[in-house]
Amino acid sequence: MKIVILDGYTLNPGDLNWDGFKKLGDVTVHDRTPADKVVERASDAEIVFTNKTPVSEDALNHLPELKFIGVLATGYNIVNTEVAKQRGVIVSNVPGYGTTSVVQMTFALLLELCLHVQRHSDAVMDGKWARSADWCFWDYPLVELAGKTIGIIGFGRIGQQVGDVASAFGMNIIGSSRTQTDQSHRRNFQWADVPQLLEQSDVVSIHCPLFPETKGLINKESLQRMKRSSFLLNTSRGPIIVDEDLADALNNDVIAGAGIDVLSVEPPSKDNPLFKAKNCIITPHIAWATKEARERLMEITVNNLTAFLNGSPVNVVNR
């Protein structure tokens, strides 16, 4: 059984191991694979794993031995699942592995916007506190979360855990989701559509998948609905936000700040307008990447392959 991992570096830059895969077949690991090298590197593979390397219709049509594609992530838009289905190729993903880490990053971004911890630390290290006439100082507004309202777009597994943490901070919660599950156990919770959520929230946090209907959901028009004092967070998918529109909104004080872990194009071009936007914190798509989350991803992926080899595939996205 030949197994090819097309782009293993982001999952395992060296602090994990591939032993679970090696017990199941002959494994070749590539750190990265250009799109035009997919067929060459996977030409006789029965099993292929990919994180962000596209497996296109053309590639699928030139991989006659292929039986299974494992996506090393939750999102699977990099695989042409319909063509894979037509060719009898099972595609699986890894749901749920990064929930805790993504929630943690969401609040890391929010707390930085509220308290500017790094900026104040930098000011102290530069000697500003030592030079201060007062016993303390602050250079940026300090915001308390208790009593504020967080609007969560996408109230699924991650969104609900964001709601749990927000409740611990004493926040009110507005949820928006395609499916409205029972949330009667939550205090200070209400459902709303996206326009209402934007208008009523002090913090808007995005946790919905990228679908045609969510691409560009946050744009010039929707940003105008938000409070001038509000913060926008995105640890989901970059194209949900129109980068240029968000940069304009920040620079023109339409909203107060943004904390984002994802951009519309990754890696971004050096002239992305958000790089020069006011009060914008950008991290390089790392919410998922704690060691603990990557260990879970590795374990679930091995389990996916084991289940497939045993004739009972799980986490299949193209049935």
Protein backbone atom coordinates (compact mmCIF):
# COMPACT_ATOMS: atom_id res chain seq x y z
CA MET A 1 0.00 0.00 0.00
CA LYS A 2 1.71 3.18 -1.20
CA ILE A 3 0.89 6.30 0.81
CA VAL A 4 1.98 9.77 -0.34
CA ILE A 5 1.72 12.84 1.87
CA LEU A 6 1.88 15.84 -0.43
CA ASP A 7 2.47 18.66 2.05
CA GLY A 8 3.31 17.36 5.49
CA TYR A 9 5.39 20.23 6.84
CA THR A 10 2.66 22.40 8.35
CA LEU A 11 1.19 19.44 10.23
CA ASN A 12 4.56 18.07 11.28
CA PRO A 13 7.52 20.47 11.02
CA GLY A 14 9.54 17.99 13.06
CA ASP A 15 7.93 17.85 16.50
CA LEU A 16 5.61 14.92 15.66
CA ASN A 17 6.19 11.66 13.80
CA TRP A 18 4.60 9.70 10.98
CA ASP A 19 4.77 6.31 12.71
CA GLY A 20 1.01 5.76 12.65
CA PHE A 21 1.01 6.03 8.85
CA LYS A 22 4.10 3.87 8.46
CA LYS A 23 2.35 1.00 10.21
CA LEU A 24 -0.27 1.03 7.45
CA GLY A 25 1.84 1.20 4.32
CA ASP A 26 4.88 2.45 2.42
CA VAL A 27 4.95 6.18 3.21
CA THR A 28 6.57 9.01 1.27
CA VAL A 29 6.38 12.45 2.88
CA HIS A 30 6.90 15.67 0.94
CA ASP A 31 7.16 18.91 2.88
CA ARG A 32 5.45 20.78 0.05
CA THR A 33 4.21 19.89 -3.43
CA PRO A 34 3.56 22.38 -6.24
CA ALA A 35 0.24 21.80 -7.98
CA ASP A 36 1.99 20.77 -11.18
CA LYS A 37 3.90 18.03 -9.36
CA VAL A 38 0.92 16.24 -7.77
CA VAL A 39 0.53 13.65 -10.53
CA GLU A 40 4.26 12.97 -10.72
CA ARG A 41 4.61 12.43 -6.97
CA ALA A 42 1.40 10.44 -6.51
CA SER A 43 1.45 8.57 -9.82
CA ASP A 44 1.27 5.06 -8.34
CA ALA A 45 -0.18 5.89 -4.93
CA GLU A 46 -3.36 4.31 -3.64
CA ILE A 47 -3.53 6.71 -0.70
CA VAL A 48 -2.86 10.46 -0.84
CA PHE A 49 -2.91 12.98 1.98
CA THR A 50 -3.05 16.71 1.43
CA ASN A 51 -3.44 19.78 3.56
CA LYS A 52 -3.53 22.72 1.15
CA THR A 53 -2.12 21.19 -2.04
CA PRO A 54 -4.98 21.10 -4.60
CA VAL A 55 -6.05 17.72 -5.98
CA SER A 56 -7.82 18.86 -9.13
CA GLU A 57 -10.00 17.14 -11.70
CA ASP A 58 -6.99 16.86 -14.00
CA ALA A 59 -4.87 15.29 -11.28
CA LEU A 60 -7.61 12.82 -10.39
CA ASN A 61 -7.93 11.79 -14.01
CA HIS A 62 -4.22 10.98 -14.09
CA LEU A 63 -4.03 8.95 -10.87
CA PRO A 64 -5.53 5.58 -11.84
CA GLU A 65 -4.37 3.76 -8.69
CA LEU A 66 -5.87 6.28 -6.28
CA LYS A 67 -8.50 4.95 -3.88
CA PHE A 68 -8.47 7.32 -0.91
CA ILE A 69 -7.68 11.01 -0.27
CA GLY A 70 -7.24 12.16 3.30
CA VAL A 71 -7.46 15.89 3.88
CA LEU A 72 -5.22 16.95 6.78
CA ALA A 73 -7.71 19.62 7.82
CA THR A 74 -11.42 20.21 8.30
CA GLY A 75 -11.96 22.23 5.12
CA TYR A 76 -11.77 20.13 1.98
CA ASN A 77 -12.32 22.60 -0.86
CA ILE A 78 -8.83 21.84 -2.19
CA VAL A 79 -10.09 18.47 -3.48
CA ASN A 80 -12.53 18.13 -6.38
CA THR A 81 -14.83 15.89 -4.40
CA GLU A 82 -17.39 15.39 -7.17
CA VAL A 83 -14.83 14.05 -9.62
CA ALA A 84 -13.34 11.93 -6.85
CA LYS A 85 -16.77 10.45 -6.21
CA GLN A 86 -17.26 9.72 -9.90
CA ARG A 87 -13.93 7.89 -9.93
CA GLY A 88 -14.78 5.93 -6.79
CA VAL A 89 -12.21 7.73 -4.65
CA ILE A 90 -13.16 8.23 -1.01
CA VAL A 91 -12.32 11.66 0.48
CA SER A 92 -12.19 12.13 4.24
CA ASN A 93 -11.50 15.14 6.44
CA VAL A 94 -10.71 15.75 10.11
CA PRO A 95 -13.50 17.59 11.94
CA GLY A 96 -13.24 18.89 15.46
CA TYR A 97 -9.53 18.48 16.13
CA GLY A 98 -8.79 22.20 16.57
CA THR A 99 -11.88 23.46 18.36
CA THR A 100 -10.21 24.22 21.69
CA SER A 101 -7.20 25.88 20.06
CA VAL A 102 -9.32 28.05 17.76
CA VAL A 103 -11.45 29.21 20.69
CA GLN A 104 -8.28 30.07 22.59
CA MET A 105 -6.94 32.12 19.69
CA THR A 106 -10.27 33.91 19.31
CA PHE A 107 -9.99 35.26 22.83
CA ALA A 108 -6.27 35.94 22.50
CA LEU A 109 -7.11 38.31 19.64
CA LEU A 110 -10.06 39.82 21.48
CA LEU A 111 -8.14 40.41 24.71
CA GLU A 112 -5.29 42.03 22.81
CA LEU A 113 -7.79 44.42 21.19
CA CYS A 114 -9.30 45.17 24.60
CA LEU A 115 -6.09 45.61 26.62
CA HIS A 116 -3.22 46.04 24.11
CA VAL A 117 -0.97 43.87 26.24
CA GLN A 118 1.90 43.65 23.77
CA ARG A 119 1.85 47.35 22.95
CA HIS A 120 1.88 48.32 26.61
CA SER A 121 4.68 45.85 27.30
CA ASP A 122 6.68 47.33 24.44
CA ALA A 123 6.13 50.82 25.88
CA VAL A 124 7.38 49.66 29.28
CA MET A 125 10.47 48.07 27.74
CA ASP A 126 11.13 51.32 25.88
CA GLY A 127 11.26 53.13 29.23
CA LYS A 128 7.96 54.96 29.11
CA TRP A 129 6.82 53.71 32.52
CA ALA A 130 10.16 54.59 34.07
CA ARG A 131 9.75 58.13 32.70
CA SER A 132 6.10 58.43 33.77
CA ALA A 133 5.08 61.14 36.24
CA ASP A 134 2.32 58.83 37.48
CA TRP A 135 2.36 55.38 39.04
CA CYS A 136 0.71 53.91 35.94
CA PHE A 137 -0.11 54.92 32.38
CA TRP A 138 -1.95 53.61 29.36
CA ASP A 139 -1.56 54.62 25.76
CA TYR A 140 -4.64 52.88 24.36
CA PRO A 141 -8.27 52.55 25.48
CA LEU A 142 -8.87 49.68 27.91
CA VAL A 143 -12.11 47.75 27.42
CA GLU A 144 -13.94 45.43 29.83
CA LEU A 145 -15.92 42.56 28.30
CA ALA A 146 -18.49 42.04 31.05
CA GLY A 147 -21.89 43.27 29.93
CA LYS A 148 -20.83 43.56 26.29
CA THR A 149 -22.55 41.54 23.54
CA ILE A 150 -20.69 39.10 21.32
CA GLY A 151 -22.29 38.12 18.03
CA ILE A 152 -21.15 34.71 16.78
CA ILE A 153 -21.63 34.02 13.07
CA GLY A 154 -21.66 30.24 12.78
CA PHE A 155 -22.92 28.76 16.02
CA GLY A 156 -21.62 25.24 15.54
CA ARG A 157 -19.05 23.34 17.56
CA ILE A 158 -16.49 26.16 17.68
CA GLY A 159 -19.03 28.97 17.90
CA GLN A 160 -20.77 27.36 20.87
CA GLN A 161 -17.50 26.97 22.76
CA VAL A 162 -16.73 30.62 22.03
CA GLY A 163 -20.12 31.32 23.58
CA ASP A 164 -19.17 29.29 26.65
CA VAL A 165 -16.03 31.34 27.21
CA ALA A 166 -17.85 34.60 26.48
CA SER A 167 -20.39 33.68 29.15
CA ALA A 168 -17.56 33.22 31.63
CA PHE A 169 -16.53 36.80 30.88
CA GLY A 170 -20.08 37.95 31.59
CA MET A 171 -20.96 38.71 27.99
CA ASN A 172 -24.35 38.50 26.29
CA ILE A 173 -24.49 36.24 23.24
CA ILE A 174 -26.20 36.53 19.87
CA GLY A 175 -25.94 33.53 17.59
CA SER A 176 -26.48 33.19 13.85
CA SER A 177 -26.54 29.80 12.18
CA ARG A 178 -28.15 27.92 9.33
CA THR A 179 -29.48 25.48 11.93
CA GLN A 180 -30.85 26.85 15.18
CA THR A 181 -30.27 24.20 17.83
CA ASP A 182 -31.73 24.33 21.32
CA GLN A 183 -29.78 26.82 23.42
CA SER A 184 -32.27 27.09 26.28
CA HIS A 185 -29.51 26.25 28.77
CA ARG A 186 -27.74 29.52 27.99
CA ARG A 187 -28.39 32.72 29.87
CA ASN A 188 -28.46 36.01 27.97
CA PHE A 189 -28.62 34.28 24.56
CA GLN A 190 -30.68 35.06 21.49
CA TRP A 191 -30.79 34.01 17.84
CA ALA A 192 -30.66 36.67 15.13
CA ASP A 193 -30.00 36.96 11.43
CA VAL A 194 -26.64 38.35 10.38
CA PRO A 195 -27.76 41.98 9.80
CA GLN A 196 -29.36 42.13 13.27
CA LEU A 197 -26.32 40.49 14.83
CA LEU A 198 -23.99 43.04 13.26
CA GLU A 199 -26.09 45.95 14.46
CA GLN A 200 -26.43 44.76 18.05
CA SER A 201 -22.99 43.31 18.83
CA ASP A 202 -19.98 44.91 20.49
CA VAL A 203 -17.83 42.04 19.22
CA VAL A 204 -18.50 40.02 16.06
CA SER A 205 -16.69 36.68 15.82
CA ILE A 206 -16.79 34.60 12.62
CA HIS A 207 -16.91 30.81 12.85
CA CYS A 208 -18.89 29.76 9.78
CA PRO A 209 -17.57 27.64 6.89
CA LEU A 210 -16.60 29.14 3.55
CA PHE A 211 -19.46 28.54 1.13
CA PRO A 212 -20.52 30.58 -1.91
CA GLU A 213 -23.13 32.29 0.25
CA THR A 214 -20.59 33.24 2.96
CA LYS A 215 -17.81 34.43 0.65
CA GLY A 216 -17.60 38.20 1.03
CA LEU A 217 -20.24 38.14 3.78
CA ILE A 218 -18.36 40.89 5.61
CA ASN A 219 -18.08 43.73 3.12
CA LYS A 220 -18.54 47.48 2.91
CA GLU A 221 -22.30 47.29 3.37
CA SER A 222 -22.27 44.84 6.28
CA LEU A 223 -19.45 46.68 8.05
CA GLN A 224 -21.56 49.84 7.97
CA ARG A 225 -24.13 48.04 10.13
CA MET A 226 -21.66 47.52 12.96
CA LYS A 227 -21.16 49.83 15.93
CA ARG A 228 -18.30 52.31 15.65
CA SER A 229 -16.96 50.91 18.93
CA SER A 230 -17.15 47.26 17.84
CA PHE A 231 -14.43 44.71 17.19
CA LEU A 232 -14.40 42.11 14.39
CA LEU A 233 -12.72 38.71 14.80
CA ASN A 234 -12.09 36.06 12.15
CA THR A 235 -10.50 32.70 12.91
CA SER A 236 -12.50 30.87 10.26
CA ARG A 237 -11.78 31.47 6.56
CA GLY A 238 -10.24 34.58 5.00
CA PRO A 239 -12.53 35.05 1.98
CA ILE A 240 -15.53 35.55 4.27
CA ILE A 241 -14.18 39.09 4.67
CA VAL A 242 -13.39 41.48 1.82
CA ASP A 243 -9.93 42.63 2.88
CA GLU A 244 -10.11 46.01 1.14
CA ASP A 245 -13.49 46.82 2.69
CA LEU A 246 -12.29 45.95 6.18
CA ALA A 247 -9.16 48.07 5.76
CA ASP A 248 -11.30 51.02 4.68
CA ALA A 249 -13.66 50.50 7.62
CA LEU A 250 -10.77 50.49 10.09
CA ASN A 251 -9.02 53.49 8.57
CA ASN A 252 -12.25 55.50 8.51
CA ASP A 253 -13.33 54.55 12.05
CA VAL A 254 -16.39 52.62 10.87
CA ILE A 255 -15.41 49.98 13.45
CA ALA A 256 -12.88 50.18 16.27
CA GLY A 257 -10.62 47.23 15.56
CA ALA A 258 -10.12 43.79 14.07
CA GLY A 259 -8.30 40.61 15.07
CA ILE A 260 -7.89 38.13 12.22
CA ASP A 261 -6.00 34.88 11.82
CA VAL A 262 -6.89 34.38 8.16
CA LEU A 263 -6.75 36.41 4.95
CA SER A 264 -8.45 36.08 1.57
CA VAL A 265 -5.20 34.92 -0.07
CA GLU A 266 -2.64 32.89 1.89
CA PRO A 267 0.22 33.54 2.00
CA PRO A 268 -0.83 37.15 1.34
CA SER A 269 0.72 39.59 -1.07
CA LYS A 270 2.97 42.14 0.61
CA ASP A 271 0.60 44.95 -0.40
CA ASN A 272 -2.49 43.57 1.34
CA PRO A 273 -4.31 46.71 2.53
CA LEU A 274 -4.88 45.29 6.01
CA PHE A 275 -1.14 45.48 6.72
CA LYS A 276 -1.49 49.26 7.00
CA ALA A 277 -4.95 49.40 8.54
CA LYS A 278 -5.52 51.01 11.94
CA ASN A 279 -5.89 48.79 15.01
CA CYS A 280 -5.70 45.56 13.05
CA ILE A 281 -4.06 42.48 14.56
CA ILE A 282 -3.12 39.76 12.05
CA THR A 283 -1.75 36.33 12.90
CA PRO A 284 -0.58 33.89 10.18
CA HIS A 285 -3.38 31.26 10.22
CA ILE A 286 -2.12 29.60 13.39
CA ALA A 287 -5.29 29.17 15.45
CA TRP A 288 -5.33 25.48 14.50
CA ALA A 289 -1.62 24.84 14.98
CA THR A 290 -0.96 24.17 18.66
CA LYS A 291 1.00 20.98 19.14
CA GLU A 292 -1.93 19.45 20.98
CA ALA A 293 -4.32 20.16 18.09
CA ARG A 294 -1.86 18.81 15.53
CA GLU A 295 -1.45 15.64 17.58
CA ARG A 296 -5.22 15.17 17.52
CA LEU A 297 -5.29 15.84 13.78
CA MET A 298 -2.59 13.22 13.21
CA GLU A 299 -4.40 10.65 15.35
CA ILE A 300 -7.79 11.20 13.69
CA THR A 301 -6.20 11.05 10.24
CA VAL A 302 -4.57 7.69 11.00
CA ASN A 303 -7.92 6.46 12.32
CA ASN A 304 -9.62 7.64 9.11
CA LEU A 305 -7.19 5.63 7.02
CA THR A 306 -7.47 2.57 9.28
CA ALA A 307 -11.26 2.67 9.01
CA PHE A 308 -11.03 2.91 5.22
CA LEU A 309 -8.64 -0.04 5.01
CA ASN A 310 -11.02 -2.03 7.22
CA GLY A 311 -13.87 -1.35 4.81
CA SER A 312 -15.81 1.10 6.99
CA PRO A 313 -14.64 4.62 6.05
CA VAL A 314 -15.47 7.48 8.40
CA ASN A 315 -15.53 11.29 8.07
CA VAL A 316 -16.32 10.87 4.38
CA VAL A 317 -17.19 14.15 2.64
CA ASN A 318 -18.14 12.86 -0.82
CA ARG A 319 -20.63 10.06 -0.31
